[in-house]
Amino acid sequence: MRLCSSGWKEECAPRPQGPCIVAANHASALDLYTVAALGFTNVVYITKGWVFKLPFFRPVMQAAGYMDAEKTSPKEMLARCKTAVENGCDIVLFPQGSRKNPQARFKSGAFYLAELLKLPVVPVAIGGTGKMLPAGTIKLHPAKIVLKSLPALMPGAFTGPLAHLEMAQTVKKQIMQELEKETL
């Protein structure tokens, strides 16, 4: 990606001690790889089911312990996430659920999971990957790439029965503000 970029900017906030939930915006298939560039290397992804249908990726993703958000029951998902965290893994999600609409609301599952597991949430802003590799293409285009991990948010900072929804809105707002700064 760096070779094809027309600029590369990377900023990392101090990461929390121990495992965390990484919540990133999603604009390209390249986004999965950008998370590792920010130092999140012992990770498990929770992803949509269609990715598991790709012949090459399916065995690799299954071997790496990635989870199919559409075919895994909530009870099994929670158990597998607990096991991953006990093994020191960060859990990575793209709460938009799709790379087709960058303005889509963040779904609350990642934040509900953070509440249940009492894990900090690290917002990650990813910019430029949608221009470098737009959805539906396989050709890379030069683009300025911006990767920023933001300070972690603790689930306990949000209270009430809809705390996870408030956290989702806060994380999305923080990410969008960071990306807007980069385009000014």
N, C-alpha and C. Protein backbone atom coordinates (compact mmCIF):
# COMPACT_ATOMS: atom_id res chain seq x y z
N MET A 1 0.82 -1.19 0.00
CA MET A 1 0.00 0.00 0.00
C MET A 1 0.87 1.25 0.00
N ARG A 2 1.94 1.21 0.78
CA ARG A 2 2.80 2.40 0.83
C ARG A 2 3.39 2.71 -0.53
N LEU A 3 3.69 1.67 -1.30
CA LEU A 3 4.29 1.87 -2.62
C LEU A 3 3.33 2.56 -3.57
N CYS A 4 2.05 2.30 -3.43
CA CYS A 4 1.06 2.88 -4.33
C CYS A 4 0.51 4.20 -3.79
N SER A 5 0.84 4.54 -2.56
CA SER A 5 0.26 5.76 -1.99
C SER A 5 0.94 7.00 -2.53
N SER A 6 0.20 8.09 -2.55
CA SER A 6 0.77 9.38 -2.93
C SER A 6 1.09 10.18 -1.67
N GLY A 7 1.03 9.53 -0.54
CA GLY A 7 1.34 10.11 0.76
C GLY A 7 0.87 9.15 1.83
N TRP A 8 1.57 9.15 2.95
CA TRP A 8 1.25 8.21 4.02
C TRP A 8 1.38 8.94 5.34
N LYS A 9 0.33 8.96 6.12
CA LYS A 9 0.35 9.59 7.43
C LYS A 9 -0.18 8.60 8.44
N GLU A 10 0.60 8.40 9.48
CA GLU A 10 0.25 7.42 10.49
C GLU A 10 0.45 8.05 11.87
N GLU A 11 -0.57 8.00 12.69
CA GLU A 11 -0.49 8.51 14.06
C GLU A 11 -1.15 7.51 15.00
N CYS A 12 -0.44 7.19 16.07
CA CYS A 12 -0.97 6.23 17.03
C CYS A 12 -1.07 6.84 18.41
N ALA A 13 -2.26 6.82 18.97
CA ALA A 13 -2.44 7.19 20.38
C ALA A 13 -1.89 6.04 21.21
N PRO A 14 -1.48 6.31 22.43
CA PRO A 14 -1.03 5.20 23.28
C PRO A 14 -2.15 4.16 23.39
N ARG A 15 -1.77 2.92 23.20
CA ARG A 15 -2.79 1.88 23.27
C ARG A 15 -3.01 1.43 24.70
N PRO A 16 -4.20 0.94 24.99
CA PRO A 16 -4.49 0.48 26.35
C PRO A 16 -3.65 -0.74 26.72
N GLN A 17 -3.47 -0.94 28.01
CA GLN A 17 -2.83 -2.17 28.48
C GLN A 17 -3.83 -3.31 28.28
N GLY A 18 -3.39 -4.37 27.68
CA GLY A 18 -4.26 -5.53 27.49
C GLY A 18 -5.13 -5.40 26.25
N PRO A 19 -5.96 -6.41 26.02
CA PRO A 19 -6.81 -6.44 24.83
C PRO A 19 -7.82 -5.30 24.79
N CYS A 20 -8.26 -5.01 23.58
CA CYS A 20 -9.25 -3.95 23.38
C CYS A 20 -10.11 -4.29 22.17
N ILE A 21 -11.14 -3.50 21.99
CA ILE A 21 -11.96 -3.55 20.79
C ILE A 21 -11.44 -2.45 19.87
N VAL A 22 -11.13 -2.79 18.64
CA VAL A 22 -10.71 -1.80 17.65
C VAL A 22 -11.91 -1.56 16.74
N ALA A 23 -12.38 -0.31 16.70
CA ALA A 23 -13.54 0.06 15.88
C ALA A 23 -13.08 1.06 14.83
N ALA A 24 -13.09 0.63 13.57
CA ALA A 24 -12.58 1.47 12.48
C ALA A 24 -13.66 1.72 11.44
N ASN A 25 -13.55 2.87 10.78
CA ASN A 25 -14.42 3.12 9.63
C ASN A 25 -13.97 2.21 8.49
N HIS A 26 -14.79 2.07 7.47
CA HIS A 26 -14.53 1.05 6.44
C HIS A 26 -14.85 1.60 5.06
N ALA A 27 -13.81 1.67 4.20
CA ALA A 27 -14.01 2.18 2.85
C ALA A 27 -13.44 1.28 1.77
N SER A 28 -12.64 0.28 2.15
CA SER A 28 -11.95 -0.53 1.14
C SER A 28 -11.57 -1.89 1.72
N ALA A 29 -11.34 -2.85 0.84
CA ALA A 29 -10.83 -4.15 1.26
C ALA A 29 -9.44 -4.01 1.89
N LEU A 30 -8.76 -2.93 1.61
CA LEU A 30 -7.43 -2.69 2.19
C LEU A 30 -7.48 -2.37 3.68
N ASP A 31 -8.63 -2.00 4.18
CA ASP A 31 -8.74 -1.56 5.57
C ASP A 31 -8.29 -2.64 6.56
N LEU A 32 -8.51 -3.89 6.22
CA LEU A 32 -8.08 -4.97 7.11
C LEU A 32 -6.57 -4.92 7.35
N TYR A 33 -5.82 -4.57 6.32
CA TYR A 33 -4.36 -4.56 6.43
C TYR A 33 -3.84 -3.32 7.14
N THR A 34 -4.60 -2.24 7.10
CA THR A 34 -4.13 -1.00 7.72
C THR A 34 -4.11 -1.11 9.24
N VAL A 35 -4.97 -1.93 9.79
CA VAL A 35 -5.02 -2.09 11.25
C VAL A 35 -3.67 -2.60 11.76
N ALA A 36 -3.05 -3.51 11.04
CA ALA A 36 -1.74 -4.04 11.44
C ALA A 36 -0.67 -2.95 11.38
N ALA A 37 -0.80 -2.02 10.46
CA ALA A 37 0.18 -0.93 10.35
C ALA A 37 0.17 -0.04 11.58
N LEU A 38 -0.92 -0.07 12.33
CA LEU A 38 -1.02 0.74 13.55
C LEU A 38 -0.58 -0.03 14.79
N GLY A 39 -0.07 -1.22 14.60
CA GLY A 39 0.45 -1.99 15.73
C GLY A 39 -0.51 -3.00 16.33
N PHE A 40 -1.68 -3.15 15.74
CA PHE A 40 -2.63 -4.16 16.21
C PHE A 40 -2.35 -5.44 15.43
N THR A 41 -1.53 -6.31 16.00
CA THR A 41 -1.08 -7.48 15.24
C THR A 41 -1.63 -8.80 15.76
N ASN A 42 -2.01 -8.87 17.02
CA ASN A 42 -2.59 -10.08 17.56
C ASN A 42 -4.09 -9.85 17.64
N VAL A 43 -4.76 -10.07 16.51
CA VAL A 43 -6.16 -9.68 16.38
C VAL A 43 -7.04 -10.82 15.90
N VAL A 44 -8.31 -10.65 16.19
CA VAL A 44 -9.35 -11.49 15.62
C VAL A 44 -10.37 -10.53 15.02
N TYR A 45 -10.75 -10.78 13.78
CA TYR A 45 -11.74 -9.94 13.12
C TYR A 45 -13.12 -10.58 13.24
N ILE A 46 -14.12 -9.72 13.41
CA ILE A 46 -15.51 -10.14 13.26
C ILE A 46 -15.96 -9.50 11.96
N THR A 47 -16.36 -10.32 11.02
CA THR A 47 -16.64 -9.83 9.67
C THR A 47 -17.92 -10.42 9.12
N LYS A 48 -18.37 -9.86 8.02
CA LYS A 48 -19.58 -10.36 7.36
C LYS A 48 -19.32 -11.73 6.72
N GLY A 49 -20.38 -12.46 6.55
CA GLY A 49 -20.28 -13.82 6.06
C GLY A 49 -19.79 -13.99 4.63
N TRP A 50 -20.04 -13.01 3.76
CA TRP A 50 -19.67 -13.20 2.36
C TRP A 50 -18.17 -13.41 2.18
N VAL A 51 -17.37 -12.85 3.09
CA VAL A 51 -15.92 -12.99 2.97
C VAL A 51 -15.50 -14.45 3.11
N PHE A 52 -16.25 -15.20 3.93
CA PHE A 52 -15.94 -16.62 4.13
C PHE A 52 -16.28 -17.47 2.90
N LYS A 53 -16.98 -16.89 1.94
CA LYS A 53 -17.32 -17.62 0.72
C LYS A 53 -16.19 -17.57 -0.32
N LEU A 54 -15.21 -16.71 -0.12
CA LEU A 54 -14.09 -16.60 -1.06
C LEU A 54 -13.14 -17.78 -0.83
N PRO A 55 -12.93 -18.60 -1.87
CA PRO A 55 -12.19 -19.85 -1.69
C PRO A 55 -10.80 -19.69 -1.05
N PHE A 56 -10.05 -18.69 -1.43
CA PHE A 56 -8.71 -18.53 -0.87
C PHE A 56 -8.76 -18.04 0.57
N PHE A 57 -9.65 -17.10 0.85
CA PHE A 57 -9.69 -16.48 2.16
C PHE A 57 -10.30 -17.35 3.25
N ARG A 58 -11.28 -18.17 2.89
CA ARG A 58 -12.00 -18.96 3.88
C ARG A 58 -11.07 -19.77 4.80
N PRO A 59 -10.18 -20.62 4.25
CA PRO A 59 -9.34 -21.41 5.17
C PRO A 59 -8.37 -20.55 5.98
N VAL A 60 -7.89 -19.48 5.40
CA VAL A 60 -6.97 -18.59 6.12
C VAL A 60 -7.70 -17.92 7.27
N MET A 61 -8.89 -17.41 7.00
CA MET A 61 -9.66 -16.72 8.03
C MET A 61 -10.11 -17.68 9.12
N GLN A 62 -10.50 -18.87 8.74
CA GLN A 62 -10.92 -19.85 9.75
C GLN A 62 -9.73 -20.24 10.63
N ALA A 63 -8.57 -20.43 10.03
CA ALA A 63 -7.37 -20.79 10.79
C ALA A 63 -6.96 -19.66 11.73
N ALA A 64 -7.20 -18.42 11.33
CA ALA A 64 -6.84 -17.26 12.16
C ALA A 64 -7.88 -16.97 13.24
N GLY A 65 -8.99 -17.70 13.22
CA GLY A 65 -10.02 -17.51 14.24
C GLY A 65 -10.99 -16.38 13.97
N TYR A 66 -11.03 -15.89 12.72
CA TYR A 66 -11.98 -14.83 12.39
C TYR A 66 -13.39 -15.35 12.59
N MET A 67 -14.31 -14.43 12.89
CA MET A 67 -15.67 -14.83 13.20
C MET A 67 -16.66 -14.27 12.19
N ASP A 68 -17.59 -15.11 11.78
CA ASP A 68 -18.64 -14.74 10.84
C ASP A 68 -19.79 -14.13 11.63
N ALA A 69 -19.97 -12.83 11.50
CA ALA A 69 -20.99 -12.12 12.27
C ALA A 69 -22.41 -12.56 11.92
N GLU A 70 -22.58 -13.11 10.73
CA GLU A 70 -23.93 -13.46 10.27
C GLU A 70 -24.32 -14.89 10.61
N LYS A 71 -23.35 -15.78 10.77
CA LYS A 71 -23.67 -17.19 11.01
C LYS A 71 -23.37 -17.65 12.42
N THR A 72 -22.75 -16.80 13.22
CA THR A 72 -22.41 -17.18 14.58
C THR A 72 -23.49 -16.65 15.52
N SER A 73 -24.02 -17.51 16.35
CA SER A 73 -25.05 -17.08 17.30
C SER A 73 -24.44 -16.09 18.29
N PRO A 74 -25.27 -15.21 18.86
CA PRO A 74 -24.75 -14.27 19.86
C PRO A 74 -24.05 -14.96 21.03
N LYS A 75 -24.60 -16.06 21.49
CA LYS A 75 -24.01 -16.79 22.62
C LYS A 75 -22.62 -17.34 22.24
N GLU A 76 -22.54 -17.94 21.06
CA GLU A 76 -21.25 -18.48 20.61
C GLU A 76 -20.26 -17.34 20.33
N MET A 77 -20.74 -16.23 19.76
CA MET A 77 -19.87 -15.09 19.48
C MET A 77 -19.25 -14.56 20.76
N LEU A 78 -20.07 -14.41 21.79
CA LEU A 78 -19.57 -13.91 23.07
C LEU A 78 -18.53 -14.87 23.65
N ALA A 79 -18.81 -16.16 23.59
CA ALA A 79 -17.87 -17.16 24.12
C ALA A 79 -16.55 -17.12 23.35
N ARG A 80 -16.62 -17.03 22.04
CA ARG A 80 -15.39 -16.98 21.23
C ARG A 80 -14.61 -15.69 21.47
N CYS A 81 -15.33 -14.59 21.66
CA CYS A 81 -14.65 -13.32 21.95
C CYS A 81 -13.97 -13.38 23.31
N LYS A 82 -14.63 -13.96 24.30
CA LYS A 82 -14.02 -14.11 25.63
C LYS A 82 -12.74 -14.93 25.53
N THR A 83 -12.78 -16.01 24.77
CA THR A 83 -11.60 -16.85 24.60
C THR A 83 -10.48 -16.08 23.90
N ALA A 84 -10.82 -15.33 22.87
CA ALA A 84 -9.81 -14.54 22.15
C ALA A 84 -9.16 -13.52 23.09
N VAL A 85 -9.96 -12.85 23.89
CA VAL A 85 -9.44 -11.85 24.84
C VAL A 85 -8.55 -12.53 25.88
N GLU A 86 -8.97 -13.68 26.38
CA GLU A 86 -8.15 -14.43 27.35
C GLU A 86 -6.81 -14.82 26.75
N ASN A 87 -6.77 -14.99 25.44
CA ASN A 87 -5.52 -15.31 24.73
C ASN A 87 -4.76 -14.07 24.30
N GLY A 88 -5.20 -12.90 24.77
CA GLY A 88 -4.48 -11.66 24.50
C GLY A 88 -4.78 -11.00 23.17
N CYS A 89 -5.84 -11.42 22.51
CA CYS A 89 -6.18 -10.85 21.20
C CYS A 89 -7.02 -9.58 21.33
N ASP A 90 -6.78 -8.65 20.42
CA ASP A 90 -7.68 -7.52 20.22
C ASP A 90 -8.78 -7.99 19.27
N ILE A 91 -9.95 -7.41 19.38
CA ILE A 91 -11.06 -7.76 18.50
C ILE A 91 -11.31 -6.57 17.58
N VAL A 92 -11.25 -6.81 16.28
CA VAL A 92 -11.39 -5.73 15.30
C VAL A 92 -12.73 -5.86 14.59
N LEU A 93 -13.43 -4.72 14.54
CA LEU A 93 -14.71 -4.65 13.83
C LEU A 93 -14.77 -3.37 13.01
N PHE A 94 -15.54 -3.43 11.96
CA PHE A 94 -15.86 -2.25 11.17
C PHE A 94 -17.35 -1.99 11.38
N PRO A 95 -17.70 -1.15 12.36
CA PRO A 95 -19.11 -1.00 12.77
C PRO A 95 -20.04 -0.45 11.70
N GLN A 96 -19.50 0.10 10.61
CA GLN A 96 -20.39 0.54 9.53
C GLN A 96 -21.05 -0.65 8.87
N GLY A 97 -20.40 -1.80 8.95
CA GLY A 97 -20.97 -3.01 8.38
C GLY A 97 -20.78 -3.13 6.89
N SER A 98 -20.37 -2.06 6.23
CA SER A 98 -20.19 -2.09 4.78
C SER A 98 -19.25 -0.97 4.38
N ARG A 99 -18.55 -1.17 3.29
CA ARG A 99 -17.65 -0.12 2.80
C ARG A 99 -18.30 0.73 1.72
N LYS A 100 -19.55 0.44 1.41
CA LYS A 100 -20.22 1.14 0.32
C LYS A 100 -20.70 2.53 0.69
N ASN A 101 -21.00 2.77 1.97
CA ASN A 101 -21.51 4.07 2.38
C ASN A 101 -20.69 4.60 3.54
N PRO A 102 -19.71 5.46 3.26
CA PRO A 102 -18.84 5.97 4.32
C PRO A 102 -19.58 6.76 5.40
N GLN A 103 -20.77 7.24 5.09
CA GLN A 103 -21.54 8.02 6.07
C GLN A 103 -22.52 7.16 6.88
N ALA A 104 -22.53 5.86 6.63
CA ALA A 104 -23.47 4.98 7.32
C ALA A 104 -23.28 5.05 8.83
N ARG A 105 -24.37 4.89 9.56
CA ARG A 105 -24.29 4.90 11.02
C ARG A 105 -23.48 3.69 11.47
N PHE A 106 -22.86 3.81 12.62
CA PHE A 106 -22.13 2.70 13.20
C PHE A 106 -23.13 1.81 13.92
N LYS A 107 -23.13 0.54 13.59
CA LYS A 107 -23.97 -0.42 14.29
C LYS A 107 -23.40 -0.60 15.71
N SER A 108 -24.22 -0.97 16.63
CA SER A 108 -23.84 -0.93 18.05
C SER A 108 -23.19 -2.20 18.59
N GLY A 109 -23.12 -3.26 17.80
CA GLY A 109 -22.60 -4.54 18.29
C GLY A 109 -21.21 -4.47 18.90
N ALA A 110 -20.30 -3.75 18.28
CA ALA A 110 -18.93 -3.63 18.80
C ALA A 110 -18.93 -3.00 20.18
N PHE A 111 -19.81 -2.06 20.38
CA PHE A 111 -19.84 -1.29 21.61
C PHE A 111 -20.58 -2.04 22.72
N TYR A 112 -21.56 -2.82 22.32
CA TYR A 112 -22.25 -3.70 23.27
C TYR A 112 -21.26 -4.77 23.75
N LEU A 113 -20.48 -5.30 22.83
CA LEU A 113 -19.46 -6.28 23.16
C LEU A 113 -18.44 -5.68 24.13
N ALA A 114 -18.03 -4.44 23.89
CA ALA A 114 -17.09 -3.76 24.80
C ALA A 114 -17.69 -3.66 26.20
N GLU A 115 -18.99 -3.35 26.29
CA GLU A 115 -19.66 -3.28 27.60
C GLU A 115 -19.64 -4.64 28.30
N LEU A 116 -20.01 -5.68 27.56
CA LEU A 116 -20.08 -7.01 28.15
C LEU A 116 -18.73 -7.51 28.62
N LEU A 117 -17.68 -7.25 27.82
CA LEU A 117 -16.34 -7.74 28.15
C LEU A 117 -15.52 -6.74 28.95
N LYS A 118 -16.10 -5.55 29.18
CA LYS A 118 -15.42 -4.48 29.92
C LYS A 118 -14.06 -4.15 29.29
N LEU A 119 -14.08 -3.99 27.96
CA LEU A 119 -12.86 -3.68 27.21
C LEU A 119 -12.90 -2.25 26.69
N PRO A 120 -11.74 -1.59 26.66
CA PRO A 120 -11.69 -0.26 26.05
C PRO A 120 -11.91 -0.38 24.54
N VAL A 121 -12.44 0.69 23.96
CA VAL A 121 -12.64 0.77 22.51
C VAL A 121 -11.66 1.78 21.94
N VAL A 122 -10.87 1.34 20.97
CA VAL A 122 -9.93 2.22 20.30
C VAL A 122 -10.52 2.60 18.94
N PRO A 123 -10.91 3.87 18.77
CA PRO A 123 -11.39 4.31 17.46
C PRO A 123 -10.21 4.42 16.49
N VAL A 124 -10.40 3.95 15.28
CA VAL A 124 -9.36 4.03 14.25
C VAL A 124 -9.95 4.71 13.02
N ALA A 125 -9.30 5.81 12.62
CA ALA A 125 -9.70 6.55 11.42
C ALA A 125 -8.82 6.12 10.26
N ILE A 126 -9.45 5.67 9.20
CA ILE A 126 -8.73 5.23 8.00
C ILE A 126 -9.22 6.07 6.84
N GLY A 127 -8.32 6.80 6.22
CA GLY A 127 -8.67 7.65 5.09
C GLY A 127 -7.86 7.31 3.85
N GLY A 128 -8.48 7.42 2.69
CA GLY A 128 -7.79 7.26 1.42
C GLY A 128 -7.83 5.88 0.82
N THR A 129 -8.13 4.86 1.61
CA THR A 129 -8.13 3.50 1.06
C THR A 129 -9.26 3.30 0.06
N GLY A 130 -10.37 4.01 0.25
CA GLY A 130 -11.48 3.92 -0.70
C GLY A 130 -11.13 4.48 -2.07
N LYS A 131 -10.21 5.43 -2.11
CA LYS A 131 -9.73 5.96 -3.39
C LYS A 131 -8.66 5.04 -3.98
N MET A 132 -7.85 4.44 -3.10
CA MET A 132 -6.79 3.56 -3.58
C MET A 132 -7.34 2.27 -4.18
N LEU A 133 -8.32 1.68 -3.50
CA LEU A 133 -8.95 0.45 -4.00
C LEU A 133 -10.45 0.55 -3.76
N PRO A 134 -11.16 1.20 -4.70
CA PRO A 134 -12.61 1.35 -4.54
C PRO A 134 -13.32 -0.01 -4.55
N ALA A 135 -14.47 -0.06 -3.91
CA ALA A 135 -15.28 -1.28 -3.91
C ALA A 135 -15.56 -1.70 -5.35
N GLY A 136 -15.46 -3.00 -5.61
CA GLY A 136 -15.78 -3.53 -6.93
C GLY A 136 -14.63 -3.50 -7.92
N THR A 137 -13.43 -3.07 -7.49
CA THR A 137 -12.28 -3.04 -8.40
C THR A 137 -11.14 -3.85 -7.81
N ILE A 138 -10.17 -4.15 -8.67
CA ILE A 138 -8.96 -4.84 -8.20
C ILE A 138 -7.70 -4.04 -8.54
N LYS A 139 -7.88 -2.90 -9.19
CA LYS A 139 -6.74 -2.08 -9.58
C LYS A 139 -6.47 -1.00 -8.53
N LEU A 140 -5.21 -0.90 -8.09
CA LEU A 140 -4.83 0.11 -7.13
C LEU A 140 -4.58 1.45 -7.82
N HIS A 141 -5.00 2.53 -7.16
CA HIS A 141 -4.81 3.89 -7.65
C HIS A 141 -4.04 4.68 -6.60
N PRO A 142 -3.15 5.58 -7.00
CA PRO A 142 -2.44 6.39 -6.01
C PRO A 142 -3.43 7.20 -5.17
N ALA A 143 -3.18 7.25 -3.88
CA ALA A 143 -4.04 8.01 -2.96
C ALA A 143 -3.26 8.32 -1.69
N LYS A 144 -3.62 9.41 -1.05
CA LYS A 144 -3.03 9.75 0.24
C LYS A 144 -3.72 8.90 1.31
N ILE A 145 -2.95 8.16 2.07
CA ILE A 145 -3.49 7.28 3.09
C ILE A 145 -3.27 7.91 4.47
N VAL A 146 -4.30 7.93 5.27
CA VAL A 146 -4.24 8.45 6.63
C VAL A 146 -4.71 7.35 7.57
N LEU A 147 -3.87 7.05 8.56
CA LEU A 147 -4.21 6.05 9.57
C LEU A 147 -4.00 6.67 10.94
N LYS A 148 -5.04 6.68 11.74
CA LYS A 148 -4.93 7.27 13.08
C LYS A 148 -5.67 6.41 14.09
N SER A 149 -4.95 6.00 15.12
CA SER A 149 -5.66 5.41 16.25
C SER A 149 -5.85 6.54 17.25
N LEU A 150 -7.04 6.63 17.79
CA LEU A 150 -7.41 7.70 18.71
C LEU A 150 -7.39 7.18 20.14
N PRO A 151 -7.41 8.06 21.12
CA PRO A 151 -7.42 7.60 22.51
C PRO A 151 -8.60 6.67 22.80
N ALA A 152 -8.32 5.65 23.58
CA ALA A 152 -9.34 4.65 23.91
C ALA A 152 -10.46 5.25 24.75
N LEU A 153 -11.65 4.72 24.52
CA LEU A 153 -12.82 5.09 25.31
C LEU A 153 -13.18 3.89 26.18
N MET A 154 -13.53 4.18 27.42
CA MET A 154 -13.91 3.10 28.33
C MET A 154 -15.44 2.98 28.35
N PRO A 155 -15.94 1.77 28.28
CA PRO A 155 -17.40 1.60 28.29
C PRO A 155 -18.06 2.20 29.52
N GLY A 156 -17.38 2.20 30.66
CA GLY A 156 -17.96 2.75 31.88
C GLY A 156 -18.20 4.25 31.83
N ALA A 157 -17.59 4.93 30.84
CA ALA A 157 -17.80 6.37 30.70
C ALA A 157 -19.18 6.69 30.12
N PHE A 158 -19.85 5.68 29.62
CA PHE A 158 -21.19 5.84 29.03
C PHE A 158 -22.15 5.05 29.91
N THR A 159 -23.22 5.69 30.34
CA THR A 159 -24.12 5.02 31.29
C THR A 159 -25.54 4.95 30.74
N GLY A 160 -26.32 4.15 31.39
CA GLY A 160 -27.72 4.01 31.01
C GLY A 160 -27.95 2.83 30.10
N PRO A 161 -29.22 2.53 29.85
CA PRO A 161 -29.56 1.34 29.06
C PRO A 161 -29.13 1.44 27.59
N LEU A 162 -28.89 2.64 27.10
CA LEU A 162 -28.48 2.81 25.71
C LEU A 162 -27.03 3.31 25.60
N ALA A 163 -26.23 2.99 26.61
CA ALA A 163 -24.84 3.46 26.64
C ALA A 163 -24.05 3.02 25.41
N HIS A 164 -24.28 1.79 24.97
CA HIS A 164 -23.54 1.30 23.81
C HIS A 164 -23.88 2.09 22.54
N LEU A 165 -25.12 2.57 22.43
CA LEU A 165 -25.50 3.39 21.28
C LEU A 165 -24.83 4.76 21.34
N GLU A 166 -24.76 5.31 22.53
CA GLU A 166 -24.07 6.60 22.71
C GLU A 166 -22.58 6.46 22.37
N MET A 167 -21.99 5.36 22.80
CA MET A 167 -20.58 5.12 22.50
C MET A 167 -20.37 4.98 20.99
N ALA A 168 -21.26 4.28 20.30
CA ALA A 168 -21.16 4.14 18.85
C ALA A 168 -21.20 5.50 18.16
N GLN A 169 -22.11 6.35 18.59
CA GLN A 169 -22.22 7.68 18.00
C GLN A 169 -20.97 8.52 18.29
N THR A 170 -20.44 8.41 19.49
CA THR A 170 -19.24 9.16 19.86
C THR A 170 -18.04 8.73 19.04
N VAL A 171 -17.87 7.41 18.89
CA VAL A 171 -16.73 6.89 18.12
C VAL A 171 -16.84 7.33 16.66
N LYS A 172 -18.02 7.22 16.08
CA LYS A 172 -18.18 7.64 14.69
C LYS A 172 -17.86 9.13 14.54
N LYS A 173 -18.37 9.94 15.45
CA LYS A 173 -18.12 11.38 15.38
C LYS A 173 -16.62 11.68 15.47
N GLN A 174 -15.93 11.02 16.39
CA GLN A 174 -14.48 11.24 16.52
C GLN A 174 -13.74 10.87 15.25
N ILE A 175 -14.09 9.72 14.68
CA ILE A 175 -13.42 9.27 13.45
C ILE A 175 -13.70 10.24 12.31
N MET A 176 -14.94 10.63 12.13
CA MET A 176 -15.29 11.54 11.04
C MET A 176 -14.60 12.90 11.20
N GLN A 177 -14.50 13.39 12.43
CA GLN A 177 -13.80 14.66 12.66
C GLN A 177 -12.33 14.55 12.29
N GLU A 178 -11.71 13.43 12.62
CA GLU A 178 -10.29 13.23 12.25
C GLU A 178 -10.11 13.19 10.74
N LEU A 179 -11.00 12.53 10.06
CA LEU A 179 -10.90 12.44 8.59
C LEU A 179 -11.16 13.78 7.95
N GLU A 180 -12.08 14.57 8.49
CA GLU A 180 -12.35 15.92 7.97
C GLU A 180 -11.13 16.82 8.12
N LYS A 181 -10.40 16.71 9.24
CA LYS A 181 -9.18 17.49 9.45
C LYS A 181 -8.18 17.23 8.34
N GLU A 182 -8.12 15.97 7.91
CA GLU A 182 -7.14 15.58 6.90
C GLU A 182 -7.49 16.06 5.51
N THR A 183 -8.76 16.34 5.27
CA THR A 183 -9.16 16.77 3.93
C THR A 183 -9.18 18.29 3.80
N LEU A 184 -8.99 19.01 4.90
CA LEU A 184 -9.00 20.49 4.84
C LEU A 184 -7.71 21.01 4.26
